[in-house]
Amino acid sequence: MSLKLKVTADEWKSLDEGIKGLYEEKDGGYVLSIDGLEDTNGLKSALEKERKARSEYEKTVRQYQGLGKSPDEIAELVKAQEESEKSKLEQKGEWEKLKAQLLESHKKELAARDEAVQKMKGTLESYLVDAAATEAIAAAKGIPQLLLPHVKSAVKVIEEDGKYQVRVVGPDGSPRMNAKGEFLGIKDFVSEMRESEVFSRAFDGTGTTGSGTPANRGQTRPGSFILSREDARDPMKYRAAREAAAKAGQELQIATE
């Protein structure tokens, strides 16, 4: 009878005792022990892997052939695509950086513009208040350098319908009204000061004695326009004082000290 090259453990057990000796145990079974016969299992496994790899390669080749390009050409296209994607990402990063720089520059420009607008607004308010207050004080024959700071502290400039108006305000900052329900003007406020026991001393022909009766203080020059050296350096203040003095028929003087 013919003998199998390999048998299972159960098949080996069923063999005659004399035949069992011809086999040797290997990998859970039994292999016929023959000199010169090599185990081809490894070779078969390698051959199977090679066949599988060749099948995959042929499949890939058919795909490339369907595109009409060689593997090398496909590789070049893939590389070019990767470089393009990388360039896009780098450009995006530069754009984000540029955008951030533009936003920061825009913020600085807006801040500078707001600062310039505030300065211009402050200069305009100073001019409007100084001009109106100086004119009102001159009309009431008061001394501007004494009364102007007190008038300025009691008024503020309010924007109404795109125009700036000078308003006399109370301690709470709200505009004051007269008996007619109208806004109290600077001239009205200066008139109040002229009647005040404290401020009346700074007006021509007024002032109080110890008994509370008016006293004429001829030694002063009420109604004259005297501007300090510091205020005279401010073109807006100088112009306002000069115009107010001209309207009152007075001569603007610059303080020597």
Protein backbone atom coordinates (compact mmCIF):
# COMPACT_ATOMS: atom_id res chain seq x y z
CA MET A 1 0.00 0.00 0.00
CA SER A 2 1.08 3.59 -0.52
CA LEU A 3 1.99 5.80 2.39
CA LYS A 4 0.90 9.41 2.81
CA LEU A 5 3.54 12.06 3.20
CA LYS A 6 1.57 13.67 6.04
CA VAL A 7 -1.04 12.20 8.38
CA THR A 8 -3.04 13.57 11.27
CA ALA A 9 -2.58 12.35 14.83
CA ASP A 10 -5.71 10.17 14.59
CA GLU A 11 -4.56 8.68 11.28
CA TRP A 12 -1.15 7.94 12.78
CA LYS A 13 -2.75 6.09 15.71
CA SER A 14 -4.60 3.79 13.33
CA LEU A 15 -1.40 2.73 11.55
CA ASP A 16 0.41 -0.49 12.26
CA GLU A 17 3.15 -0.31 14.81
CA GLY A 18 5.79 -1.00 12.22
CA ILE A 19 4.59 1.82 9.99
CA LYS A 20 4.26 4.32 12.82
CA GLY A 21 8.03 4.30 13.16
CA LEU A 22 8.36 5.65 9.67
CA TYR A 23 6.74 8.94 10.73
CA GLU A 24 8.00 11.73 12.93
CA GLU A 25 5.82 14.20 14.79
CA LYS A 26 5.76 17.73 13.41
CA ASP A 27 3.38 20.74 13.82
CA GLY A 28 0.69 18.67 15.60
CA GLY A 29 0.71 15.91 12.93
CA TYR A 30 3.10 13.35 11.55
CA VAL A 31 5.38 13.51 8.50
CA LEU A 32 6.90 10.56 6.69
CA SER A 33 10.60 10.53 7.47
CA ILE A 34 12.45 10.17 4.17
CA ASP A 35 16.11 11.16 3.65
CA GLY A 36 16.59 13.86 0.99
CA LEU A 37 12.96 15.03 1.09
CA GLU A 38 12.70 18.75 1.97
CA ASP A 39 9.69 20.45 3.63
CA THR A 40 8.09 22.64 0.95
CA ASN A 41 5.59 24.39 3.23
CA GLY A 42 7.69 27.56 3.47
CA LEU A 43 8.22 27.61 -0.26
CA LYS A 44 4.52 27.19 -0.91
CA SER A 45 3.73 30.02 1.51
CA ALA A 46 6.23 32.32 -0.19
CA LEU A 47 4.88 31.35 -3.58
CA GLU A 48 1.35 32.15 -2.46
CA LYS A 49 2.43 35.58 -1.22
CA GLU A 50 4.23 36.29 -4.46
CA ARG A 51 1.15 35.33 -6.48
CA LYS A 52 -1.02 37.61 -4.35
CA ALA A 53 1.44 40.53 -4.71
CA ARG A 54 1.57 40.02 -8.47
CA SER A 55 -2.22 40.05 -8.62
CA GLU A 56 -2.35 43.35 -6.74
CA TYR A 57 0.35 44.80 -8.97
CA GLU A 58 -1.51 43.79 -12.12
CA LYS A 59 -4.66 45.35 -10.70
CA THR A 60 -2.81 48.61 -10.03
CA VAL A 61 -1.29 48.57 -13.51
CA ARG A 62 -4.72 48.19 -15.07
CA GLN A 63 -5.90 51.23 -13.05
CA TYR A 64 -2.97 53.32 -14.29
CA GLN A 65 -3.60 52.15 -17.84
CA GLY A 66 -7.20 53.32 -17.50
CA LEU A 67 -5.93 56.81 -16.65
CA GLY A 68 -3.67 56.82 -19.66
CA LYS A 69 -0.58 57.64 -17.57
CA SER A 70 2.39 55.72 -16.30
CA PRO A 71 3.05 55.17 -12.59
CA ASP A 72 5.86 57.72 -12.69
CA GLU A 73 3.55 60.31 -14.23
CA ILE A 74 0.91 59.58 -11.61
CA ALA A 75 3.51 59.99 -8.88
CA GLU A 76 4.53 63.36 -10.31
CA LEU A 77 0.89 64.48 -10.36
CA VAL A 78 0.40 63.41 -6.76
CA LYS A 79 3.56 65.25 -5.71
CA ALA A 80 2.44 68.41 -7.55
CA GLN A 81 -0.93 68.23 -5.83
CA GLU A 82 0.71 67.91 -2.42
CA GLU A 83 2.93 70.92 -3.16
CA SER A 84 -0.11 72.93 -4.27
CA GLU A 85 -2.00 72.09 -1.05
CA LYS A 86 1.05 73.03 1.01
CA SER A 87 1.37 76.36 -0.83
CA LYS A 88 -2.31 77.12 -0.25
CA LEU A 89 -1.93 76.50 3.47
CA GLU A 90 1.15 78.74 3.63
CA GLN A 91 -0.63 81.50 1.71
CA LYS A 92 -3.62 81.21 4.01
CA GLY A 93 -1.35 81.66 7.00
CA GLU A 94 0.19 84.76 5.43
CA TRP A 95 -3.28 86.14 4.65
CA GLU A 96 -4.41 85.64 8.24
CA LYS A 97 -1.29 87.46 9.40
CA LEU A 98 -1.85 90.28 6.91
CA LYS A 99 -5.51 90.53 7.92
CA ALA A 100 -4.54 90.83 11.57
CA GLN A 101 -2.04 93.58 10.69
CA LEU A 102 -4.69 95.45 8.68
CA LEU A 103 -7.18 95.23 11.55
CA GLU A 104 -4.60 96.49 14.03
CA SER A 105 -3.66 99.37 11.71
CA HIS A 106 -7.33 100.25 11.26
CA LYS A 107 -7.87 100.31 15.03
CA LYS A 108 -4.91 102.65 15.47
CA GLU A 109 -6.23 104.94 12.72
CA LEU A 110 -9.67 105.04 14.35
CA ALA A 111 -8.13 105.78 17.76
CA ALA A 112 -6.02 108.59 16.27
CA ARG A 113 -9.05 110.02 14.48
CA ASP A 114 -11.16 109.88 17.65
CA GLU A 115 -8.39 111.61 19.56
CA ALA A 116 -8.16 114.34 16.91
CA VAL A 117 -11.94 114.78 16.93
CA GLN A 118 -11.95 115.09 20.71
CA LYS A 119 -9.21 117.71 20.57
CA MET A 120 -11.07 119.67 17.92
CA LYS A 121 -14.27 119.38 19.92
CA GLY A 122 -12.48 120.60 23.06
CA THR A 123 -11.01 123.55 21.16
CA LEU A 124 -14.42 124.42 19.70
CA GLU A 125 -16.12 124.19 23.07
CA SER A 126 -13.42 126.36 24.65
CA TYR A 127 -13.84 128.96 21.91
CA LEU A 128 -17.64 129.00 22.13
CA VAL A 129 -17.66 129.31 25.91
CA ASP A 130 -14.84 131.86 26.08
CA ALA A 131 -16.37 134.05 23.38
CA ALA A 132 -19.90 134.00 24.78
CA ALA A 133 -18.79 134.39 28.40
CA THR A 134 -16.30 137.17 27.67
CA GLU A 135 -18.90 139.07 25.64
CA ALA A 136 -21.53 138.73 28.38
CA ILE A 137 -19.10 139.85 31.08
CA ALA A 138 -17.99 142.84 29.01
CA ALA A 139 -21.60 143.86 28.33
CA ALA A 140 -22.25 143.82 32.08
CA LYS A 141 -19.05 145.85 32.69
CA GLY A 142 -17.37 143.04 34.62
CA ILE A 143 -13.73 142.06 34.90
CA PRO A 144 -13.17 139.06 32.59
CA GLN A 145 -10.06 137.66 34.28
CA LEU A 146 -11.94 137.46 37.59
CA LEU A 147 -15.31 136.27 36.35
CA LEU A 148 -14.48 134.11 33.32
CA PRO A 149 -13.32 131.01 35.27
CA HIS A 150 -16.54 131.01 37.32
CA VAL A 151 -18.75 131.41 34.26
CA LYS A 152 -16.93 128.62 32.42
CA SER A 153 -17.38 126.25 35.35
CA ALA A 154 -21.14 126.81 35.24
CA VAL A 155 -21.70 126.15 31.53
CA LYS A 156 -21.15 123.33 29.07
CA VAL A 157 -21.50 122.84 25.33
CA ILE A 158 -24.34 120.57 24.18
CA GLU A 159 -24.85 119.23 20.67
CA GLU A 160 -28.40 119.64 19.40
CA ASP A 161 -29.46 118.75 15.85
CA GLY A 162 -25.85 118.79 14.70
CA LYS A 163 -25.18 122.21 16.22
CA TYR A 164 -23.30 123.10 19.38
CA GLN A 165 -25.14 125.21 21.96
CA VAL A 166 -23.76 126.75 25.14
CA ARG A 167 -25.96 125.97 28.13
CA VAL A 168 -25.84 127.15 31.73
CA VAL A 169 -26.11 124.07 33.94
CA GLY A 170 -26.93 123.42 37.57
CA PRO A 171 -24.91 121.43 40.11
CA ASP A 172 -26.35 118.19 38.71
CA GLY A 173 -25.19 119.05 35.19
CA SER A 174 -28.65 119.57 33.70
CA PRO A 175 -29.46 122.82 31.80
CA ARG A 176 -31.03 125.55 33.91
CA MET A 177 -34.32 127.19 32.89
CA ASN A 178 -35.59 130.73 33.53
CA ALA A 179 -39.05 131.74 34.77
CA LYS A 180 -40.43 131.52 31.22
CA GLY A 181 -39.33 127.93 30.86
CA GLU A 182 -36.55 128.88 28.47
CA PHE A 183 -32.92 127.87 28.71
CA LEU A 184 -30.96 130.24 30.93
CA GLY A 185 -28.41 132.10 28.83
CA ILE A 186 -24.90 133.15 29.76
CA LYS A 187 -26.02 136.79 29.88
CA ASP A 188 -28.72 135.86 32.39
CA PHE A 189 -26.17 133.99 34.46
CA VAL A 190 -23.75 136.95 34.39
CA SER A 191 -26.63 139.20 35.53
CA GLU A 192 -27.15 136.87 38.47
CA MET A 193 -23.47 137.18 39.30
CA ARG A 194 -23.70 140.97 39.12
CA GLU A 195 -26.44 140.85 41.74
CA SER A 196 -24.50 138.39 43.89
CA GLU A 197 -22.88 139.74 47.05
CA VAL A 198 -19.73 137.75 46.26
CA PHE A 199 -19.28 138.42 42.53
CA SER A 200 -20.72 141.96 42.41
CA ARG A 201 -17.30 143.29 43.46
CA ALA A 202 -15.97 142.35 40.01
CA PHE A 203 -18.43 144.63 38.15
CA ASP A 204 -18.18 148.34 37.39
CA GLY A 205 -20.14 150.50 39.86
CA THR A 206 -20.96 147.58 42.13
CA GLY A 207 -19.50 146.07 45.23
CA THR A 208 -20.75 145.95 48.80
CA THR A 209 -19.64 147.74 51.89
CA GLY A 210 -19.79 146.36 55.35
CA SER A 211 -23.36 147.63 55.67
CA GLY A 212 -24.41 145.79 52.52
CA THR A 213 -24.85 148.96 50.41
CA PRO A 214 -23.25 149.25 46.96
CA ALA A 215 -19.94 151.04 46.78
CA ASN A 216 -18.16 152.41 43.74
CA ARG A 217 -14.64 151.09 43.31
CA GLY A 218 -13.13 153.68 40.98
CA GLN A 219 -9.63 152.43 41.64
CA THR A 220 -10.20 149.43 39.39
CA ARG A 221 -10.68 149.27 35.65
CA PRO A 222 -13.88 147.24 35.37
CA GLY A 223 -15.01 146.38 31.90
CA SER A 224 -11.46 146.35 30.55
CA PHE A 225 -10.21 143.25 28.79
CA ILE A 226 -6.96 141.91 30.26
CA LEU A 227 -5.70 138.56 29.01
CA SER A 228 -2.97 136.63 30.77
CA ARG A 229 0.22 135.80 28.89
CA GLU A 230 -0.63 132.10 28.99
CA ASP A 231 -4.13 132.62 27.52
CA ALA A 232 -2.74 135.04 24.95
CA ARG A 233 -0.61 132.21 23.54
CA ASP A 234 -3.81 130.31 22.71
CA PRO A 235 -5.03 131.61 19.31
CA MET A 236 -8.63 130.66 20.03
CA LYS A 237 -8.75 132.36 23.43
CA TYR A 238 -6.93 135.42 22.10
CA ARG A 239 -9.33 135.76 19.19
CA ALA A 240 -12.40 135.30 21.41
CA ALA A 241 -11.19 137.92 23.88
CA ARG A 242 -10.27 140.35 21.09
CA GLU A 243 -13.68 140.00 19.42
CA ALA A 244 -15.50 140.40 22.72
CA ALA A 245 -13.45 143.49 23.57
CA ALA A 246 -14.17 145.00 20.15
CA LYS A 247 -17.92 144.44 20.56
CA ALA A 248 -17.82 146.13 23.96
CA GLY A 249 -15.80 149.07 22.61
CA GLN A 250 -12.86 148.16 24.83
CA GLU A 251 -9.18 147.57 24.16
CA LEU A 252 -7.72 144.14 24.77
CA GLN A 253 -4.70 144.23 27.06
CA ILE A 254 -2.12 141.55 27.77
CA ALA A 255 -1.07 141.24 31.40
CA THR A 256 2.58 142.14 32.02
CA GLU A 257 3.01 139.60 34.82
